[in-house]
Structures are given as structure tokens and as C-alpha cells.
Amino acid sequence: MPRFLALYMGTQNSEVQKAWDSLPEAEKAERSQRAMTEWGQWAERHSHVIVDIGAPLGKTLLASPEGVTPARNPITAYVIVEAETHEEAAQMFKDHPHFAIFPGTGVKIMPCLPMPSL
């Protein structure tokens, strides 16, 4: 079955993050608990097609011809799923708690293509 990489997106300067940051701590804690519960429910519903549950991601370093330097990017976490089609994979993330409750800005879903022969 085809595999798809889903990248959870978000930035510190997004409007949804600013709104989240302005919430009282008690409300952030309540929403965080609710989001994690719903995220767990999402993972359970899709457990049969989750290949790698993924993880949150830390700070980014960029290796380039100029050397290794700190970099910024909006990717906050990842997961790898299987689905018959790209659209089917994307539908798994409709109303995902990452952006429906947490201050994420969305989830990008892309197919994992076969490695070209060397």
C-alpha cells in the first residue's frame, strides 16, 4: 500500500499561536489535555494504517555547501501512514487536533515515492 509522510506545521509567529499564547494558563492546560486525548483517539482510529507514529521535532540545523548553520522551519512533528490514495491519506487529517485544538497551522501530506535506481 502507498505510504505518505504527514508533516505537522506551525510557527511561533502565526496568528493561531499568538491567540494560544494569550490564553490563561489554566485554559491552555485544559485544551492541551483535551487535544492529547483526541490525538490519542485519532491514532487509535488510524492505528491499522499508521506505519510510524512519528514524534515532535526539535531545533533545525541546515547542512549545506556553506557548512552547518541553525535554520528555522515550520515543521513541528511527523507521522507516516498508508492509504490507497493521496486524497484518502489527506482525509485522515481532516479536523486533526493539531490544528483543531492546538495552535498548529495545518498538516501537509505527501507521498513517499520509490527510491530511483542508482
N, C-alpha and C. Protein backbone atom coordinates (compact mmCIF):
# COMPACT_ATOMS: atom_id res chain seq x y z
N MET A 1 0.86 -1.17 0.00
CA MET A 1 0.00 0.00 0.00
C MET A 1 0.91 1.24 0.00
N PRO A 2 0.54 2.29 -0.73
CA PRO A 2 1.36 3.50 -0.75
C PRO A 2 1.50 4.13 0.64
N ARG A 3 2.66 4.71 0.87
CA ARG A 3 2.94 5.40 2.14
C ARG A 3 2.96 6.91 1.92
N PHE A 4 2.59 7.61 2.98
CA PHE A 4 2.52 9.07 2.93
C PHE A 4 3.15 9.65 4.19
N LEU A 5 3.96 10.67 3.99
CA LEU A 5 4.57 11.41 5.09
C LEU A 5 3.67 12.60 5.39
N ALA A 6 3.26 12.72 6.63
CA ALA A 6 2.45 13.87 7.05
C ALA A 6 3.29 14.72 7.99
N LEU A 7 3.39 15.99 7.67
CA LEU A 7 4.17 16.93 8.47
C LEU A 7 3.22 17.89 9.17
N TYR A 8 3.31 17.91 10.48
CA TYR A 8 2.51 18.84 11.28
C TYR A 8 3.21 20.20 11.24
N MET A 9 2.47 21.22 10.84
CA MET A 9 3.04 22.55 10.63
C MET A 9 2.58 23.53 11.70
N GLY A 10 3.45 24.50 11.97
CA GLY A 10 3.12 25.57 12.90
C GLY A 10 4.30 26.49 13.08
N THR A 11 4.04 27.73 13.39
CA THR A 11 5.12 28.69 13.64
C THR A 11 4.80 29.54 14.86
N GLN A 12 5.84 30.00 15.49
CA GLN A 12 5.68 30.85 16.67
C GLN A 12 5.01 32.18 16.35
N ASN A 13 5.12 32.64 15.11
CA ASN A 13 4.54 33.94 14.78
C ASN A 13 3.20 33.85 14.05
N SER A 14 2.59 32.65 14.01
CA SER A 14 1.27 32.52 13.38
C SER A 14 0.20 33.16 14.26
N GLU A 15 -0.89 33.54 13.65
CA GLU A 15 -1.99 34.14 14.40
C GLU A 15 -2.57 33.17 15.42
N VAL A 16 -2.68 31.89 15.04
CA VAL A 16 -3.25 30.92 15.98
C VAL A 16 -2.31 30.71 17.17
N GLN A 17 -1.00 30.77 16.95
CA GLN A 17 -0.05 30.64 18.06
C GLN A 17 -0.14 31.85 18.97
N LYS A 18 -0.26 33.03 18.39
CA LYS A 18 -0.40 34.26 19.20
C LYS A 18 -1.66 34.20 20.05
N ALA A 19 -2.75 33.72 19.46
CA ALA A 19 -4.00 33.59 20.22
C ALA A 19 -3.83 32.57 21.35
N TRP A 20 -3.16 31.44 21.06
CA TRP A 20 -2.90 30.42 22.08
C TRP A 20 -2.07 31.02 23.21
N ASP A 21 -1.02 31.75 22.87
CA ASP A 21 -0.13 32.34 23.87
C ASP A 21 -0.86 33.32 24.78
N SER A 22 -1.92 33.93 24.28
CA SER A 22 -2.65 34.91 25.09
C SER A 22 -3.67 34.27 26.04
N LEU A 23 -3.89 32.95 25.91
CA LEU A 23 -4.85 32.27 26.79
C LEU A 23 -4.32 32.18 28.21
N PRO A 24 -5.20 32.18 29.19
CA PRO A 24 -4.78 31.93 30.58
C PRO A 24 -4.17 30.53 30.68
N GLU A 25 -3.22 30.35 31.56
CA GLU A 25 -2.52 29.06 31.70
C GLU A 25 -3.49 27.91 31.97
N ALA A 26 -4.51 28.14 32.78
CA ALA A 26 -5.47 27.08 33.08
C ALA A 26 -6.21 26.62 31.82
N GLU A 27 -6.56 27.57 30.97
CA GLU A 27 -7.26 27.21 29.74
C GLU A 27 -6.33 26.47 28.78
N LYS A 28 -5.06 26.91 28.70
CA LYS A 28 -4.09 26.19 27.87
C LYS A 28 -3.93 24.76 28.35
N ALA A 29 -3.86 24.57 29.66
CA ALA A 29 -3.71 23.22 30.22
C ALA A 29 -4.92 22.36 29.89
N GLU A 30 -6.12 22.92 30.01
CA GLU A 30 -7.35 22.17 29.71
C GLU A 30 -7.40 21.80 28.23
N ARG A 31 -7.08 22.76 27.37
CA ARG A 31 -7.10 22.49 25.93
C ARG A 31 -6.02 21.47 25.54
N SER A 32 -4.86 21.59 26.16
CA SER A 32 -3.78 20.64 25.88
C SER A 32 -4.20 19.22 26.25
N GLN A 33 -4.83 19.08 27.40
CA GLN A 33 -5.29 17.74 27.82
C GLN A 33 -6.33 17.21 26.85
N ARG A 34 -7.27 18.06 26.46
CA ARG A 34 -8.30 17.64 25.51
C ARG A 34 -7.68 17.27 24.17
N ALA A 35 -6.72 18.07 23.71
CA ALA A 35 -6.07 17.80 22.43
C ALA A 35 -5.31 16.48 22.46
N MET A 36 -4.60 16.21 23.54
CA MET A 36 -3.85 14.95 23.62
C MET A 36 -4.80 13.76 23.68
N THR A 37 -5.93 13.90 24.35
CA THR A 37 -6.93 12.83 24.39
C THR A 37 -7.46 12.58 22.99
N GLU A 38 -7.81 13.65 22.28
CA GLU A 38 -8.35 13.50 20.93
C GLU A 38 -7.28 13.01 19.96
N TRP A 39 -6.02 13.41 20.17
CA TRP A 39 -4.93 12.93 19.32
C TRP A 39 -4.78 11.41 19.51
N GLY A 40 -4.86 10.97 20.76
CA GLY A 40 -4.80 9.53 21.04
C GLY A 40 -5.95 8.79 20.38
N GLN A 41 -7.13 9.37 20.40
CA GLN A 41 -8.29 8.75 19.75
C GLN A 41 -8.08 8.70 18.24
N TRP A 42 -7.51 9.78 17.67
CA TRP A 42 -7.20 9.80 16.24
C TRP A 42 -6.23 8.66 15.91
N ALA A 43 -5.17 8.54 16.71
CA ALA A 43 -4.16 7.50 16.48
C ALA A 43 -4.78 6.10 16.60
N GLU A 44 -5.67 5.91 17.53
CA GLU A 44 -6.33 4.62 17.70
C GLU A 44 -7.21 4.29 16.49
N ARG A 45 -7.99 5.29 16.02
CA ARG A 45 -8.85 5.08 14.84
C ARG A 45 -8.04 4.70 13.60
N HIS A 46 -6.83 5.22 13.50
CA HIS A 46 -6.00 5.01 12.31
C HIS A 46 -4.83 4.08 12.57
N SER A 47 -4.83 3.38 13.68
CA SER A 47 -3.68 2.53 14.05
C SER A 47 -3.37 1.48 12.99
N HIS A 48 -4.38 1.02 12.29
CA HIS A 48 -4.18 -0.02 11.27
C HIS A 48 -3.43 0.50 10.04
N VAL A 49 -3.30 1.83 9.88
CA VAL A 49 -2.58 2.38 8.73
C VAL A 49 -1.40 3.27 9.13
N ILE A 50 -1.16 3.41 10.42
CA ILE A 50 0.00 4.18 10.87
C ILE A 50 1.22 3.28 10.83
N VAL A 51 2.20 3.66 10.01
CA VAL A 51 3.44 2.91 9.85
C VAL A 51 4.45 3.36 10.90
N ASP A 52 4.51 4.66 11.13
CA ASP A 52 5.42 5.26 12.12
C ASP A 52 4.65 6.39 12.78
N ILE A 53 4.37 6.27 14.08
CA ILE A 53 3.59 7.27 14.79
C ILE A 53 4.29 8.63 14.83
N GLY A 54 5.60 8.62 14.55
CA GLY A 54 6.32 9.88 14.48
C GLY A 54 6.69 10.42 15.84
N ALA A 55 6.97 11.71 15.87
CA ALA A 55 7.40 12.37 17.10
C ALA A 55 7.44 13.87 16.88
N PRO A 56 7.44 14.63 17.97
CA PRO A 56 7.70 16.07 17.84
C PRO A 56 9.15 16.26 17.37
N LEU A 57 9.40 17.38 16.72
CA LEU A 57 10.74 17.67 16.21
C LEU A 57 11.34 18.87 16.94
N GLY A 58 12.66 18.82 17.11
CA GLY A 58 13.37 19.90 17.80
C GLY A 58 13.94 20.92 16.84
N LYS A 59 14.92 21.65 17.33
CA LYS A 59 15.54 22.71 16.55
C LYS A 59 16.20 22.14 15.30
N THR A 60 16.28 22.96 14.27
CA THR A 60 16.78 22.55 12.97
C THR A 60 18.20 23.06 12.73
N LEU A 61 19.02 22.18 12.17
CA LEU A 61 20.33 22.57 11.64
C LEU A 61 20.29 22.30 10.14
N LEU A 62 20.89 23.18 9.36
CA LEU A 62 20.96 23.04 7.91
C LEU A 62 22.39 22.72 7.52
N ALA A 63 22.58 21.58 6.87
CA ALA A 63 23.88 21.24 6.31
C ALA A 63 23.85 21.63 4.84
N SER A 64 24.78 22.46 4.42
CA SER A 64 24.80 22.95 3.04
C SER A 64 26.25 23.14 2.60
N PRO A 65 26.47 23.54 1.37
CA PRO A 65 27.85 23.79 0.93
C PRO A 65 28.57 24.84 1.78
N GLU A 66 27.82 25.68 2.45
CA GLU A 66 28.42 26.71 3.30
C GLU A 66 28.75 26.20 4.71
N GLY A 67 28.35 24.98 5.01
CA GLY A 67 28.60 24.41 6.33
C GLY A 67 27.31 24.06 7.03
N VAL A 68 27.36 23.97 8.35
CA VAL A 68 26.19 23.64 9.16
C VAL A 68 25.79 24.88 9.94
N THR A 69 24.54 25.29 9.78
CA THR A 69 24.06 26.50 10.43
C THR A 69 22.66 26.27 11.00
N PRO A 70 22.30 27.01 12.05
CA PRO A 70 20.93 26.93 12.56
C PRO A 70 19.95 27.41 11.48
N ALA A 71 18.77 26.82 11.46
CA ALA A 71 17.74 27.20 10.49
C ALA A 71 16.38 27.13 11.17
N ARG A 72 15.43 27.81 10.58
CA ARG A 72 14.06 27.77 11.08
C ARG A 72 13.19 27.11 10.03
N ASN A 73 12.22 26.35 10.47
CA ASN A 73 11.22 25.81 9.57
C ASN A 73 9.94 25.60 10.35
N PRO A 74 8.82 25.50 9.67
CA PRO A 74 7.53 25.37 10.35
C PRO A 74 7.12 23.94 10.68
N ILE A 75 8.00 22.96 10.48
CA ILE A 75 7.63 21.57 10.74
C ILE A 75 7.78 21.28 12.23
N THR A 76 6.71 20.82 12.86
CA THR A 76 6.74 20.58 14.30
C THR A 76 6.75 19.11 14.69
N ALA A 77 6.28 18.22 13.79
CA ALA A 77 6.24 16.79 14.06
C ALA A 77 5.92 16.07 12.75
N TYR A 78 5.95 14.73 12.80
CA TYR A 78 5.64 13.94 11.61
C TYR A 78 4.96 12.65 11.98
N VAL A 79 4.36 12.01 10.98
CA VAL A 79 3.79 10.68 11.08
C VAL A 79 3.81 10.09 9.67
N ILE A 80 3.94 8.78 9.57
CA ILE A 80 3.88 8.10 8.27
C ILE A 80 2.69 7.16 8.29
N VAL A 81 1.83 7.28 7.27
CA VAL A 81 0.62 6.47 7.17
C VAL A 81 0.58 5.76 5.82
N GLU A 82 -0.27 4.76 5.74
CA GLU A 82 -0.54 4.08 4.48
C GLU A 82 -1.98 4.37 4.08
N ALA A 83 -2.19 4.52 2.76
CA ALA A 83 -3.53 4.74 2.23
C ALA A 83 -3.52 4.34 0.76
N GLU A 84 -4.70 4.06 0.23
CA GLU A 84 -4.81 3.70 -1.18
C GLU A 84 -4.48 4.87 -2.09
N THR A 85 -4.88 6.10 -1.66
CA THR A 85 -4.67 7.29 -2.49
C THR A 85 -4.17 8.45 -1.63
N HIS A 86 -3.63 9.44 -2.31
CA HIS A 86 -3.18 10.67 -1.65
C HIS A 86 -4.37 11.35 -0.95
N GLU A 87 -5.48 11.43 -1.65
CA GLU A 87 -6.69 12.05 -1.07
C GLU A 87 -7.15 11.31 0.18
N GLU A 88 -7.12 9.97 0.14
CA GLU A 88 -7.52 9.18 1.30
C GLU A 88 -6.59 9.47 2.48
N ALA A 89 -5.31 9.58 2.21
CA ALA A 89 -4.35 9.90 3.27
C ALA A 89 -4.65 11.27 3.85
N ALA A 90 -4.90 12.24 2.99
CA ALA A 90 -5.19 13.60 3.47
C ALA A 90 -6.46 13.66 4.30
N GLN A 91 -7.47 12.89 3.91
CA GLN A 91 -8.74 12.89 4.65
C GLN A 91 -8.58 12.42 6.09
N MET A 92 -7.55 11.61 6.36
CA MET A 92 -7.30 11.16 7.75
C MET A 92 -7.04 12.33 8.68
N PHE A 93 -6.55 13.42 8.12
CA PHE A 93 -6.12 14.56 8.94
C PHE A 93 -7.15 15.68 8.98
N LYS A 94 -8.30 15.47 8.37
CA LYS A 94 -9.35 16.48 8.40
C LYS A 94 -9.75 16.73 9.86
N ASP A 95 -9.72 17.96 10.27
CA ASP A 95 -10.09 18.37 11.65
C ASP A 95 -9.20 17.72 12.70
N HIS A 96 -7.94 17.46 12.38
CA HIS A 96 -6.99 16.85 13.33
C HIS A 96 -6.78 17.79 14.53
N PRO A 97 -6.62 17.24 15.73
CA PRO A 97 -6.41 18.07 16.92
C PRO A 97 -5.18 18.99 16.83
N HIS A 98 -4.21 18.65 15.97
CA HIS A 98 -3.03 19.51 15.83
C HIS A 98 -3.42 20.94 15.51
N PHE A 99 -4.46 21.12 14.71
CA PHE A 99 -4.90 22.47 14.37
C PHE A 99 -6.33 22.78 14.82
N ALA A 100 -7.10 21.74 15.13
CA ALA A 100 -8.47 21.97 15.58
C ALA A 100 -8.50 22.42 17.04
N ILE A 101 -7.48 22.04 17.82
CA ILE A 101 -7.41 22.43 19.23
C ILE A 101 -6.08 23.12 19.51
N PHE A 102 -4.97 22.42 19.20
CA PHE A 102 -3.64 23.02 19.38
C PHE A 102 -3.46 24.16 18.37
N PRO A 103 -2.44 24.99 18.54
CA PRO A 103 -2.24 26.11 17.61
C PRO A 103 -1.43 25.76 16.36
N GLY A 104 -1.54 24.54 15.87
CA GLY A 104 -0.89 24.19 14.62
C GLY A 104 -1.57 24.88 13.45
N THR A 105 -0.84 25.04 12.36
CA THR A 105 -1.39 25.73 11.19
C THR A 105 -1.88 24.77 10.12
N GLY A 106 -1.63 23.47 10.29
CA GLY A 106 -2.11 22.50 9.31
C GLY A 106 -1.22 21.27 9.29
N VAL A 107 -1.57 20.34 8.41
CA VAL A 107 -0.80 19.12 8.22
C VAL A 107 -0.58 18.95 6.72
N LYS A 108 0.67 18.87 6.30
CA LYS A 108 1.00 18.65 4.89
C LYS A 108 1.21 17.16 4.69
N ILE A 109 0.55 16.62 3.67
CA ILE A 109 0.63 15.18 3.39
C ILE A 109 1.22 15.00 2.00
N MET A 110 2.26 14.17 1.92
CA MET A 110 2.90 13.93 0.62
C MET A 110 3.25 12.47 0.47
N PRO A 111 3.18 11.96 -0.77
CA PRO A 111 3.50 10.56 -0.99
C PRO A 111 4.98 10.29 -0.82
N CYS A 112 5.30 9.11 -0.29
CA CYS A 112 6.69 8.63 -0.24
C CYS A 112 6.91 7.86 -1.54
N LEU A 113 7.73 8.39 -2.39
CA LEU A 113 7.96 7.80 -3.71
C LEU A 113 9.04 6.75 -3.66
N PRO A 114 9.05 5.84 -4.63
CA PRO A 114 10.10 4.82 -4.65
C PRO A 114 11.46 5.48 -4.89
N MET A 115 12.48 4.89 -4.30
CA MET A 115 13.83 5.38 -4.49
C MET A 115 14.29 5.07 -5.91
N PRO A 116 14.82 6.06 -6.65
CA PRO A 116 15.30 5.77 -8.00
C PRO A 116 16.48 4.80 -7.95
N SER A 117 16.62 4.00 -8.97
CA SER A 117 17.76 3.08 -9.04
C SER A 117 19.05 3.86 -9.20
N LEU A 118 20.07 3.40 -8.51
CA LEU A 118 21.35 4.08 -8.61
C LEU A 118 22.26 3.39 -9.59
